[in-house]
Amino acid sequence: MIKKQKSNSRFRAFAQMTAVLLCFISISGFSQVKKNEAKDFTGGKKFDPNATTRILFIFDDSYSMYGNWNTGMKIEIAQKLMSEFLDSLKGTKNLEIALRCYGHQTPFRPTRNCEDSKLEVPFAPVETNAKIVKDRINKLAPTGTTPIAYSLEQCAADFPEKNNVRNVVILITDGIEECGGDPCAVSKALQSKNIFLRPFVIGIGLDVKFADVFGCMGKFYDVSNEANFKNVLKLVMIEALNQTTVQVNLNNITKKPLETDVTMTFYEQKTGKIKYDYVHTLNHRGNPDTLVLDPGLTYKLVVHTVPNVVKENITIEKGKHNTIVLDAPQGMLNIQVNGNSPNKNLNFLVKEKGGKGTLNVQNIGKAEKYIVGKYDVEILTLPRINLKDVEIKQSSTNVLKIPAAGQVLISKGAEGFGSIYLEEGKKLTWVCNLLNGTQNDIIYLQPGKYRSEFRLATQPESEKTIEKKFTIESEKSISLKLF
């Protein structure tokens, strides 16, 4: 029984969120755009800065809004915060607002009314409508069910014909679709005509997993507390009103914008101040996500790949969608130990070709991304392993393997001074010093032939140097006495 309820819940959630997109698609965009010109308002079309933005708030007033949330009931908290928010909109230029509610006219028992939805306040300038919408919300009494799909289908008629406008829907809900319906087919048909605007869905107490499950529906905001609700409302409004948008294309080796999941920082070019930090992402369609930046600044963009990719003197054209393009092709490097090494905490240095500078300190056995190219690698074994011209290729992992170390337990008998050397034919190469002040050392060494040179601190004659030769094999341990 429990599994069945969860399955139904997921289905209703899908229906609800899909319905949001359906309505938003069906009523969004400039009302006089020709069929072959229809575009996402963040998709490249230049807008008149004097265009009117019309925002329809769809407010959940179903019986579930009586549920407890933080400091009180959901309906009371939502009413309070919406009132404050609507007051803050006064004075906003070129803005009209309207209010549709659902679940407020018919009790949900004994029979659900799946047409319980009404346009309570038609569109008018915000100066006129802010108080009217606020008063209407404050008088609402939750009674009914949650006919989201029906409400969103009906809202298409809420936007009167008008030139030079763009239409936005903000849905505020605490529940999922309870009346069934299949808005997906209609939504897909409308999207195929290139009529697509991202909806804003604010979920009061809804599970954050909806952001992943229904990411294709647009921007979903999970509101976990009252303070977060305020911030989300402000953020949504900023994006809804701002006609200047940006996307960052991180191109791979074939010049396709498919690189992602990397932090990028926008600096003000003149002052060097950090203005924005974002982790780059691709949306449900595989396209770079849309950002809202201040168009009045010139930017320096640093994409924190390894090494960084930088673009300077970026200007944002106001009133249109801007695309910033950087080449950031990436592949991965993973160095592994071939065997069971007793040394579990090995790192290696990845350097610019020619060893000019260290770019990263990476753990053995863990893959990390690098810009496509050739690098020098220094593995912090004893002795060090230096690899030249290690190549990173697009979207592939270069896996390199090194031998497992062996272990030598050195007993010195008393304090003294000495070092370990690698025998390379007729040449001795210093590997490490023996610890002064200890009688025993444990050292992990790569396979090879070695020599130890040691003198007790109590014997200040060079001729008293004790020399021992030994061989290290992978995954094996030996003992060495120097007295």
Protein backbone atom coordinates (compact mmCIF):
# COMPACT_ATOMS: atom_id res chain seq x y z
CA MET A 1 0.00 0.00 0.00
CA ILE A 2 2.86 2.37 0.86
CA LYS A 3 4.59 1.78 -2.46
CA LYS A 4 1.36 2.49 -4.32
CA GLN A 5 0.88 5.81 -2.56
CA LYS A 6 4.42 6.89 -3.40
CA SER A 7 3.88 5.96 -7.03
CA ASN A 8 0.66 7.97 -7.17
CA SER A 9 2.40 10.91 -5.53
CA ARG A 10 5.16 10.91 -8.13
CA PHE A 11 2.57 10.73 -10.92
CA ARG A 12 0.60 13.65 -9.50
CA ALA A 13 3.82 15.65 -9.08
CA PHE A 14 4.66 15.03 -12.72
CA ALA A 15 1.21 16.13 -13.82
CA GLN A 16 1.40 19.26 -11.69
CA MET A 17 4.79 20.43 -12.83
CA THR A 18 4.13 19.60 -16.47
CA ALA A 19 0.94 21.62 -16.27
CA VAL A 20 2.93 24.62 -15.11
CA LEU A 21 4.97 24.54 -18.27
CA LEU A 22 1.90 24.03 -20.44
CA CYS A 23 0.25 27.20 -19.31
CA PHE A 24 3.39 29.19 -19.26
CA ILE A 25 4.15 28.19 -22.81
CA SER A 26 0.65 28.83 -24.02
CA ILE A 27 0.44 32.39 -22.72
CA SER A 28 4.03 33.63 -22.88
CA GLY A 29 5.88 35.71 -25.40
CA PHE A 30 5.08 38.87 -27.26
CA SER A 31 1.47 38.78 -28.31
CA GLN A 32 2.16 40.00 -31.86
CA VAL A 33 5.16 37.79 -32.66
CA LYS A 34 4.83 36.06 -36.00
CA LYS A 35 4.77 32.29 -36.07
CA ASN A 36 8.20 31.99 -37.68
CA GLU A 37 9.67 34.49 -35.21
CA ALA A 38 8.41 32.88 -32.02
CA LYS A 39 11.27 32.51 -29.53
CA ASP A 40 12.12 32.03 -25.88
CA PHE A 41 12.48 35.51 -24.37
CA THR A 42 15.92 34.38 -23.22
CA GLY A 43 16.72 32.90 -26.62
CA GLY A 44 18.10 35.76 -28.65
CA LYS A 45 15.20 38.07 -29.53
CA LYS A 46 15.85 41.72 -28.79
CA PHE A 47 13.19 43.39 -26.68
CA ASP A 48 11.86 46.88 -26.44
CA PRO A 49 13.08 48.24 -23.08
CA ASN A 50 9.70 49.96 -22.73
CA ALA A 51 7.73 46.72 -23.14
CA THR A 52 5.24 45.88 -20.42
CA THR A 53 5.80 42.77 -18.32
CA ARG A 54 2.60 41.06 -17.22
CA ILE A 55 2.90 38.67 -14.28
CA LEU A 56 0.07 36.34 -13.35
CA PHE A 57 0.36 34.96 -9.82
CA ILE A 58 -1.35 31.59 -9.48
CA PHE A 59 -1.94 31.07 -5.78
CA ASP A 60 -2.69 27.73 -4.13
CA ASP A 61 -5.66 28.03 -1.77
CA SER A 62 -6.44 24.35 -1.44
CA TYR A 63 -7.25 22.75 1.92
CA SER A 64 -3.67 21.54 2.39
CA MET A 65 -2.61 25.17 2.92
CA TYR A 66 -3.98 24.81 6.46
CA GLY A 67 -0.98 22.58 7.18
CA ASN A 68 1.68 23.66 9.66
CA TRP A 69 4.90 25.17 8.33
CA ASN A 70 7.67 26.73 10.44
CA THR A 71 5.99 29.26 12.78
CA GLY A 72 2.37 28.76 11.75
CA MET A 73 -0.03 27.61 9.07
CA LYS A 74 1.09 27.74 5.45
CA ILE A 75 -1.79 29.96 4.37
CA GLU A 76 -1.13 32.54 7.09
CA ILE A 77 2.60 32.69 6.41
CA ALA A 78 2.06 32.86 2.64
CA GLN A 79 -0.49 35.65 3.05
CA LYS A 80 1.84 37.67 5.25
CA LEU A 81 4.90 37.30 3.03
CA MET A 82 2.95 37.90 -0.18
CA SER A 83 1.52 41.09 1.30
CA GLU A 84 5.00 42.40 2.08
CA PHE A 85 6.24 41.36 -1.33
CA LEU A 86 3.38 43.03 -3.21
CA ASP A 87 3.97 46.27 -1.31
CA SER A 88 7.60 46.19 -2.46
CA LEU A 89 6.53 46.07 -6.12
CA LYS A 90 4.94 49.51 -6.06
CA GLY A 91 6.87 51.92 -8.22
CA THR A 92 8.09 49.23 -10.61
CA LYS A 93 7.87 50.61 -14.14
CA ASN A 94 6.11 48.82 -17.00
CA LEU A 95 4.67 46.11 -14.75
CA GLU A 96 1.13 44.73 -14.63
CA ILE A 97 -0.01 41.99 -12.25
CA ALA A 98 -3.03 39.71 -11.88
CA LEU A 99 -4.16 36.94 -9.53
CA ARG A 100 -5.68 33.53 -10.19
CA CYS A 101 -6.52 31.19 -7.31
CA TYR A 102 -7.60 27.59 -7.08
CA GLY A 103 -9.08 25.34 -4.40
CA HIS A 104 -10.97 28.16 -2.67
CA GLN A 105 -14.59 27.91 -3.83
CA THR A 106 -15.73 24.35 -3.14
CA PRO A 107 -14.99 22.02 -0.16
CA PHE A 108 -12.81 19.07 -1.13
CA ARG A 109 -15.31 16.72 0.55
CA PRO A 110 -17.43 14.82 -0.28
CA THR A 111 -16.54 15.35 -3.97
CA ARG A 112 -13.57 17.14 -5.45
CA ASN A 113 -14.31 20.04 -7.76
CA CYS A 114 -11.62 19.83 -10.39
CA GLU A 115 -12.76 23.09 -11.96
CA ASP A 116 -12.33 25.11 -8.77
CA SER A 117 -10.21 27.89 -10.28
CA LYS A 118 -10.91 31.57 -10.81
CA LEU A 119 -9.24 34.73 -12.04
CA GLU A 120 -9.76 36.83 -8.92
CA VAL A 121 -7.98 40.02 -10.02
CA PRO A 122 -7.57 40.86 -13.75
CA PHE A 123 -4.47 42.60 -15.06
CA ALA A 124 -3.84 46.25 -14.21
CA PRO A 125 -0.72 48.33 -13.48
CA VAL A 126 1.03 47.34 -10.27
CA GLU A 127 0.33 50.71 -8.67
CA THR A 128 -3.38 49.94 -8.89
CA ASN A 129 -3.38 46.19 -8.42
CA ALA A 130 -0.81 45.59 -5.66
CA LYS A 131 -3.28 46.48 -2.89
CA ILE A 132 -6.21 44.74 -4.61
CA VAL A 133 -4.26 41.49 -5.04
CA LYS A 134 -2.98 41.71 -1.47
CA ASP A 135 -6.46 42.25 -0.04
CA ARG A 136 -7.87 39.37 -2.06
CA ILE A 137 -5.16 36.95 -0.94
CA ASN A 138 -5.68 37.92 2.69
CA LYS A 139 -9.40 37.09 2.46
CA LEU A 140 -8.85 33.61 1.04
CA ALA A 141 -10.01 30.58 3.02
CA PRO A 142 -8.59 27.23 1.86
CA THR A 143 -11.36 24.73 1.21
CA GLY A 144 -10.88 22.64 -1.89
CA THR A 145 -8.65 20.41 -3.93
CA THR A 146 -5.67 21.09 -6.21
CA PRO A 147 -6.69 21.36 -9.89
CA ILE A 148 -3.41 22.73 -11.15
CA ALA A 149 -3.67 21.41 -14.71
CA TYR A 150 -7.15 22.89 -15.15
CA SER A 151 -6.10 26.23 -13.63
CA LEU A 152 -3.16 26.53 -15.95
CA GLU A 153 -5.20 25.65 -18.99
CA GLN A 154 -7.69 28.38 -18.03
CA CYS A 155 -5.06 31.03 -17.42
CA ALA A 156 -4.36 31.38 -21.15
CA ALA A 157 -7.49 33.55 -21.32
CA ASP A 158 -6.28 35.72 -18.43
CA PHE A 159 -3.92 37.64 -20.73
CA PRO A 160 -5.86 40.09 -22.95
CA GLU A 161 -4.52 40.83 -26.45
CA LYS A 162 -2.00 43.64 -26.24
CA ASN A 163 1.03 44.81 -28.20
CA ASN A 164 4.56 45.10 -26.86
CA VAL A 165 4.12 42.87 -23.81
CA ARG A 166 5.67 39.70 -22.44
CA ASN A 167 3.76 37.34 -20.20
CA VAL A 168 5.06 35.56 -17.12
CA VAL A 169 3.46 33.02 -14.79
CA ILE A 170 4.55 32.54 -11.18
CA LEU A 171 2.91 29.54 -9.53
CA ILE A 172 2.96 29.32 -5.73
CA THR A 173 1.85 25.93 -4.44
CA ASP A 174 2.26 23.56 -1.54
CA GLY A 175 0.83 20.50 -3.26
CA ILE A 176 0.73 18.35 -6.34
CA GLU A 177 -1.88 17.80 -9.02
CA GLU A 178 -4.90 15.99 -7.57
CA CYS A 179 -7.20 15.92 -10.60
CA GLY A 180 -5.15 13.98 -13.14
CA GLY A 181 -4.91 15.18 -16.71
CA ASP A 182 -2.17 14.91 -19.30
CA PRO A 183 -0.76 18.33 -20.18
CA CYS A 184 2.50 16.79 -21.48
CA ALA A 185 1.21 16.09 -25.01
CA VAL A 186 -0.08 19.65 -25.45
CA SER A 187 3.09 21.05 -23.93
CA LYS A 188 5.25 19.08 -26.38
CA ALA A 189 3.15 20.27 -29.33
CA LEU A 190 3.53 23.92 -28.30
CA GLN A 191 7.27 23.58 -27.74
CA SER A 192 7.65 22.09 -31.21
CA LYS A 193 6.45 25.48 -32.53
CA ASN A 194 9.36 27.19 -30.72
CA ILE A 195 7.06 28.92 -28.24
CA PHE A 196 8.86 28.38 -24.94
CA LEU A 197 9.40 30.49 -21.86
CA ARG A 198 10.64 29.14 -18.57
CA PRO A 199 8.02 29.13 -15.83
CA PHE A 200 8.69 30.05 -12.21
CA VAL A 201 7.36 27.46 -9.76
CA ILE A 202 7.69 28.17 -6.04
CA GLY A 203 7.07 25.08 -3.95
CA ILE A 204 6.13 25.68 -0.31
CA GLY A 205 7.43 22.67 1.56
CA LEU A 206 7.71 20.56 -1.59
CA ASP A 207 10.59 18.09 -1.77
CA VAL A 208 13.73 19.50 -3.40
CA LYS A 209 13.95 16.33 -5.48
CA PHE A 210 11.27 17.89 -7.72
CA ALA A 211 14.01 20.19 -9.02
CA ASP A 212 15.75 17.18 -10.55
CA VAL A 213 12.71 15.15 -11.51
CA PHE A 214 10.95 18.07 -13.19
CA GLY A 215 13.87 20.24 -14.26
CA CYS A 216 12.51 20.20 -17.80
CA MET A 217 9.61 22.33 -16.57
CA GLY A 218 11.76 25.41 -16.04
CA LYS A 219 12.96 27.01 -12.84
CA PHE A 220 11.73 25.30 -9.69
CA TYR A 221 12.42 26.87 -6.30
CA ASP A 222 12.12 24.85 -3.12
CA VAL A 223 11.10 27.05 -0.20
CA SER A 224 12.13 25.45 3.06
CA ASN A 225 11.45 28.36 5.44
CA GLU A 226 9.92 31.82 5.66
CA ALA A 227 13.16 33.72 5.09
CA ASN A 228 13.87 31.61 2.03
CA PHE A 229 10.40 32.38 0.68
CA LYS A 230 11.17 36.11 0.78
CA ASN A 231 14.48 35.64 -1.00
CA VAL A 232 12.98 33.40 -3.66
CA LEU A 233 10.19 35.87 -4.41
CA LYS A 234 12.76 38.64 -4.87
CA LEU A 235 14.98 36.46 -7.05
CA VAL A 236 12.11 35.36 -9.26
CA MET A 237 10.93 38.92 -9.70
CA ILE A 238 14.40 40.14 -10.65
CA GLU A 239 14.66 37.48 -13.34
CA ALA A 240 11.08 37.98 -14.51
CA LEU A 241 11.58 41.72 -15.00
CA ASN A 242 15.08 41.62 -16.40
CA GLN A 243 15.12 41.38 -20.18
CA THR A 244 18.93 41.22 -20.33
CA THR A 245 20.19 37.66 -20.03
CA VAL A 246 23.45 35.79 -20.54
CA GLN A 247 24.60 32.28 -21.27
CA VAL A 248 28.19 31.05 -21.11
CA ASN A 249 29.19 28.53 -23.78
CA LEU A 250 32.12 26.38 -22.72
CA ASN A 251 33.15 24.79 -25.98
CA ASN A 252 34.75 21.38 -26.35
CA ILE A 253 37.36 20.52 -28.95
CA THR A 254 34.70 20.43 -31.69
CA LYS A 255 33.43 23.91 -30.74
CA LYS A 256 30.23 22.56 -29.19
CA PRO A 257 29.11 24.08 -25.83
CA LEU A 258 29.06 20.79 -23.93
CA GLU A 259 31.57 21.43 -21.14
CA THR A 260 29.98 22.15 -17.77
CA ASP A 261 29.99 21.62 -13.98
CA VAL A 262 32.79 24.07 -13.32
CA THR A 263 32.78 27.24 -11.21
CA MET A 264 33.02 30.57 -12.99
CA THR A 265 33.61 34.01 -11.51
CA PHE A 266 32.56 37.32 -13.03
CA TYR A 267 34.79 40.23 -11.97
CA GLU A 268 34.16 43.89 -12.60
CA GLN A 269 36.91 44.63 -15.13
CA LYS A 270 37.89 48.07 -13.80
CA THR A 271 37.88 47.42 -10.06
CA GLY A 272 38.63 43.69 -9.94
CA LYS A 273 35.72 43.16 -7.54
CA ILE A 274 33.89 39.83 -7.62
CA LYS A 275 30.35 40.37 -8.88
CA TYR A 276 28.98 36.86 -9.41
CA ASP A 277 30.00 33.26 -8.72
CA TYR A 278 28.18 30.41 -10.45
CA VAL A 279 28.71 26.70 -11.00
CA HIS A 280 28.11 26.29 -14.72
CA THR A 281 25.33 23.91 -15.70
CA LEU A 282 23.44 22.68 -18.74
CA ASN A 283 19.64 22.73 -18.72
CA HIS A 284 17.32 19.84 -19.52
CA ARG A 285 17.83 20.45 -23.23
CA GLY A 286 21.59 20.24 -22.93
CA ASN A 287 22.04 23.99 -23.41
CA PRO A 288 23.98 26.34 -21.09
CA ASP A 289 21.78 27.76 -18.35
CA THR A 290 20.55 31.35 -18.54
CA LEU A 291 21.95 33.96 -16.15
CA VAL A 292 20.91 37.49 -15.25
CA LEU A 293 23.81 39.98 -15.08
CA ASP A 294 23.97 43.73 -14.62
CA PRO A 295 24.32 45.12 -18.18
CA GLY A 296 25.93 48.33 -16.94
CA LEU A 297 29.33 46.76 -16.21
CA THR A 298 32.30 45.45 -18.15
CA TYR A 299 33.35 42.00 -16.96
CA LYS A 300 36.33 39.74 -16.71
CA LEU A 301 35.26 36.10 -16.65
CA VAL A 302 37.44 33.43 -15.05
CA VAL A 303 36.34 29.83 -15.61
CA HIS A 304 37.99 27.72 -12.92
CA THR A 305 39.10 24.83 -15.06
CA VAL A 306 42.67 23.53 -14.65
CA PRO A 307 44.29 25.67 -15.85
CA ASN A 308 41.86 28.60 -15.75
CA VAL A 309 40.22 29.90 -18.91
CA VAL A 310 39.89 33.68 -18.92
CA LYS A 311 38.02 36.20 -21.06
CA GLU A 312 38.35 39.95 -20.48
CA ASN A 313 36.49 43.13 -21.37
CA ILE A 314 33.11 41.47 -21.75
CA THR A 315 30.24 43.87 -22.37
CA ILE A 316 26.58 42.91 -21.96
CA GLU A 317 24.10 44.35 -24.45
CA LYS A 318 21.00 45.52 -22.66
CA GLY A 319 17.60 44.23 -23.70
CA LYS A 320 18.72 41.02 -25.42
CA HIS A 321 20.16 37.57 -24.82
CA ASN A 322 23.97 37.59 -24.76
CA THR A 323 26.23 34.61 -25.40
CA ILE A 324 29.78 34.48 -24.00
CA VAL A 325 31.94 31.86 -25.70
CA LEU A 326 35.13 30.33 -24.32
CA ASP A 327 37.10 27.31 -25.48
CA ALA A 328 37.35 24.94 -22.53
CA PRO A 329 37.84 21.38 -23.90
CA GLN A 330 38.53 18.97 -21.07
CA GLY A 331 39.62 15.42 -20.42
CA MET A 332 40.67 13.55 -17.29
CA LEU A 333 43.85 12.24 -15.71
CA ASN A 334 44.01 9.32 -13.29
CA ILE A 335 47.25 7.85 -11.94
CA GLN A 336 46.90 4.51 -10.21
CA VAL A 337 49.18 2.16 -8.28
CA ASN A 338 49.70 -1.19 -9.97
CA GLY A 339 49.38 -3.38 -6.92
CA ASN A 340 48.77 -2.95 -3.20
CA SER A 341 51.05 -0.19 -2.01
CA PRO A 342 51.70 0.17 1.74
CA ASN A 343 51.77 3.93 1.20
CA LYS A 344 48.09 4.92 1.10
CA ASN A 345 48.41 8.71 0.88
CA LEU A 346 50.24 9.43 -2.35
CA ASN A 347 49.83 12.66 -4.30
CA PHE A 348 51.25 13.96 -7.54
CA LEU A 349 51.84 17.40 -9.03
CA VAL A 350 50.42 18.38 -12.41
CA LYS A 351 52.53 21.13 -13.98
CA GLU A 352 52.50 23.26 -17.08
CA LYS A 353 54.47 21.75 -19.93
CA GLY A 354 58.12 22.51 -19.27
CA GLY A 355 57.58 22.39 -15.51
CA LYS A 356 57.08 26.16 -15.23
CA GLY A 357 54.37 26.08 -12.59
CA THR A 358 52.28 23.68 -10.54
CA LEU A 359 48.62 23.65 -11.55
CA ASN A 360 47.22 21.03 -9.20
CA VAL A 361 48.05 18.58 -6.43
CA GLN A 362 46.06 15.44 -7.16
CA ASN A 363 45.46 12.25 -5.20
CA ILE A 364 46.62 8.96 -6.63
CA GLY A 365 43.60 6.90 -7.70
CA LYS A 366 41.22 9.85 -8.16
CA ALA A 367 40.47 11.24 -11.63
CA GLU A 368 40.34 14.99 -12.19
CA LYS A 369 39.64 17.22 -15.18
CA TYR A 370 42.19 19.27 -17.13
CA ILE A 371 42.09 21.42 -20.23
CA VAL A 372 43.05 19.38 -23.29
CA GLY A 373 46.82 19.52 -23.86
CA LYS A 374 50.14 18.18 -22.59
CA TYR A 375 51.43 18.44 -19.02
CA ASP A 376 54.36 17.41 -16.87
CA VAL A 377 53.64 15.21 -13.88
CA GLU A 378 55.72 14.75 -10.74
CA ILE A 379 54.60 11.84 -8.58
CA LEU A 380 55.57 12.30 -4.93
CA THR A 381 56.97 8.84 -4.41
CA LEU A 382 60.47 8.13 -3.11
CA PRO A 383 62.27 8.61 -5.34
CA ARG A 384 60.13 11.05 -7.33
CA ILE A 385 58.71 9.83 -10.65
CA ASN A 386 58.74 12.51 -13.35
CA LEU A 387 56.61 12.09 -16.47
CA LYS A 388 56.87 14.46 -19.43
CA ASP A 389 54.27 15.33 -22.06
CA VAL A 390 51.34 13.56 -20.39
CA GLU A 391 48.50 14.10 -22.84
CA ILE A 392 44.90 14.96 -21.95
CA LYS A 393 42.36 14.28 -24.68
CA GLN A 394 38.78 15.48 -25.08
CA SER A 395 36.22 13.61 -22.94
CA SER A 396 38.55 10.70 -22.21
CA THR A 397 40.57 9.60 -19.18
CA ASN A 398 44.32 9.08 -19.44
CA VAL A 399 45.04 6.31 -16.91
CA LEU A 400 48.71 5.88 -15.94
CA LYS A 401 50.00 3.20 -13.59
CA ILE A 402 53.06 3.16 -11.37
CA PRO A 403 54.61 0.25 -9.43
CA ALA A 404 53.55 -0.32 -5.86
CA ALA A 405 56.13 0.76 -3.30
CA GLY A 406 58.03 -1.51 -0.96
CA GLN A 407 58.85 -0.79 2.67
CA VAL A 408 62.11 -0.64 4.55
CA LEU A 409 62.34 -0.60 8.35
CA ILE A 410 65.66 1.01 9.28
CA SER A 411 67.15 0.46 12.75
CA LYS A 412 69.93 2.90 13.55
CA GLY A 413 70.65 1.82 17.12
CA ALA A 414 71.17 5.42 18.18
CA GLU A 415 70.81 8.95 16.89
CA GLY A 416 72.84 9.89 13.89
CA PHE A 417 72.97 11.44 10.41
CA GLY A 418 72.46 9.83 7.05
CA SER A 419 70.61 9.54 3.76
CA ILE A 420 69.18 7.07 1.26
CA TYR A 421 70.44 7.02 -2.35
CA LEU A 422 69.22 5.31 -5.50
CA GLU A 423 71.87 3.40 -7.45
CA GLU A 424 71.60 4.21 -11.15
CA GLY A 425 74.55 2.47 -12.76
CA LYS A 426 77.64 4.39 -11.68
CA LYS A 427 75.54 7.29 -10.35
CA LEU A 428 74.05 7.83 -6.88
CA THR A 429 70.88 9.94 -6.72
CA TRP A 430 69.79 11.34 -3.37
CA VAL A 431 66.33 10.13 -2.32
CA CYS A 432 65.77 11.31 1.26
CA ASN A 433 67.45 11.99 4.57
CA LEU A 434 67.15 9.72 7.57
CA LEU A 435 65.34 11.41 10.43
CA ASN A 436 67.68 12.90 13.00
CA GLY A 437 66.71 12.26 16.61
CA THR A 438 65.12 8.85 16.02
CA GLN A 439 66.48 5.33 16.26
CA ASN A 440 64.09 3.81 13.70
CA ASP A 441 62.71 4.96 10.36
CA ILE A 442 60.00 3.47 8.14
CA ILE A 443 60.41 4.54 4.51
CA TYR A 444 58.32 3.67 1.45
CA LEU A 445 60.46 3.32 -1.68
CA GLN A 446 59.85 2.50 -5.31
CA PRO A 447 61.35 -0.78 -6.56
CA GLY A 448 65.08 -0.51 -7.19
CA LYS A 449 68.60 -0.78 -5.78
CA TYR A 450 69.50 1.57 -2.93
CA ARG A 451 72.36 2.49 -0.68
CA SER A 452 72.26 3.88 2.87
CA GLU A 453 75.03 6.11 4.27
CA PHE A 454 74.90 6.67 8.05
CA ARG A 455 77.12 7.95 10.88
CA LEU A 456 76.30 7.87 14.59
CA ALA A 457 76.15 11.24 16.30
CA THR A 458 78.56 9.98 18.95
CA GLN A 459 81.25 9.23 16.35
CA PRO A 460 82.40 12.49 14.75
CA GLU A 461 84.81 10.85 12.30
CA SER A 462 83.84 10.56 8.63
CA GLU A 463 85.56 7.20 8.42
CA LYS A 464 82.95 5.86 10.84
CA THR A 465 80.27 6.13 8.10
CA ILE A 466 78.22 2.93 7.84
CA GLU A 467 77.22 1.94 4.30
CA LYS A 468 74.53 -0.62 3.54
CA LYS A 469 73.16 -1.71 0.16
CA PHE A 470 69.64 -3.09 -0.23
CA THR A 471 67.00 -3.87 -2.84
CA ILE A 472 63.32 -2.89 -2.71
CA GLU A 473 60.59 -4.94 -4.40
CA SER A 474 56.93 -3.94 -4.88
CA GLU A 475 54.60 -4.77 -1.99
CA LYS A 476 57.42 -6.30 0.07
CA SER A 477 58.95 -5.21 3.37
CA ILE A 478 62.55 -5.58 4.53
CA SER A 479 64.50 -4.71 7.67
CA LEU A 480 67.86 -2.93 7.60
CA LYS A 481 70.25 -2.55 10.56
CA LEU A 482 72.82 0.22 10.38
CA PHE A 483 74.82 -0.78 13.47
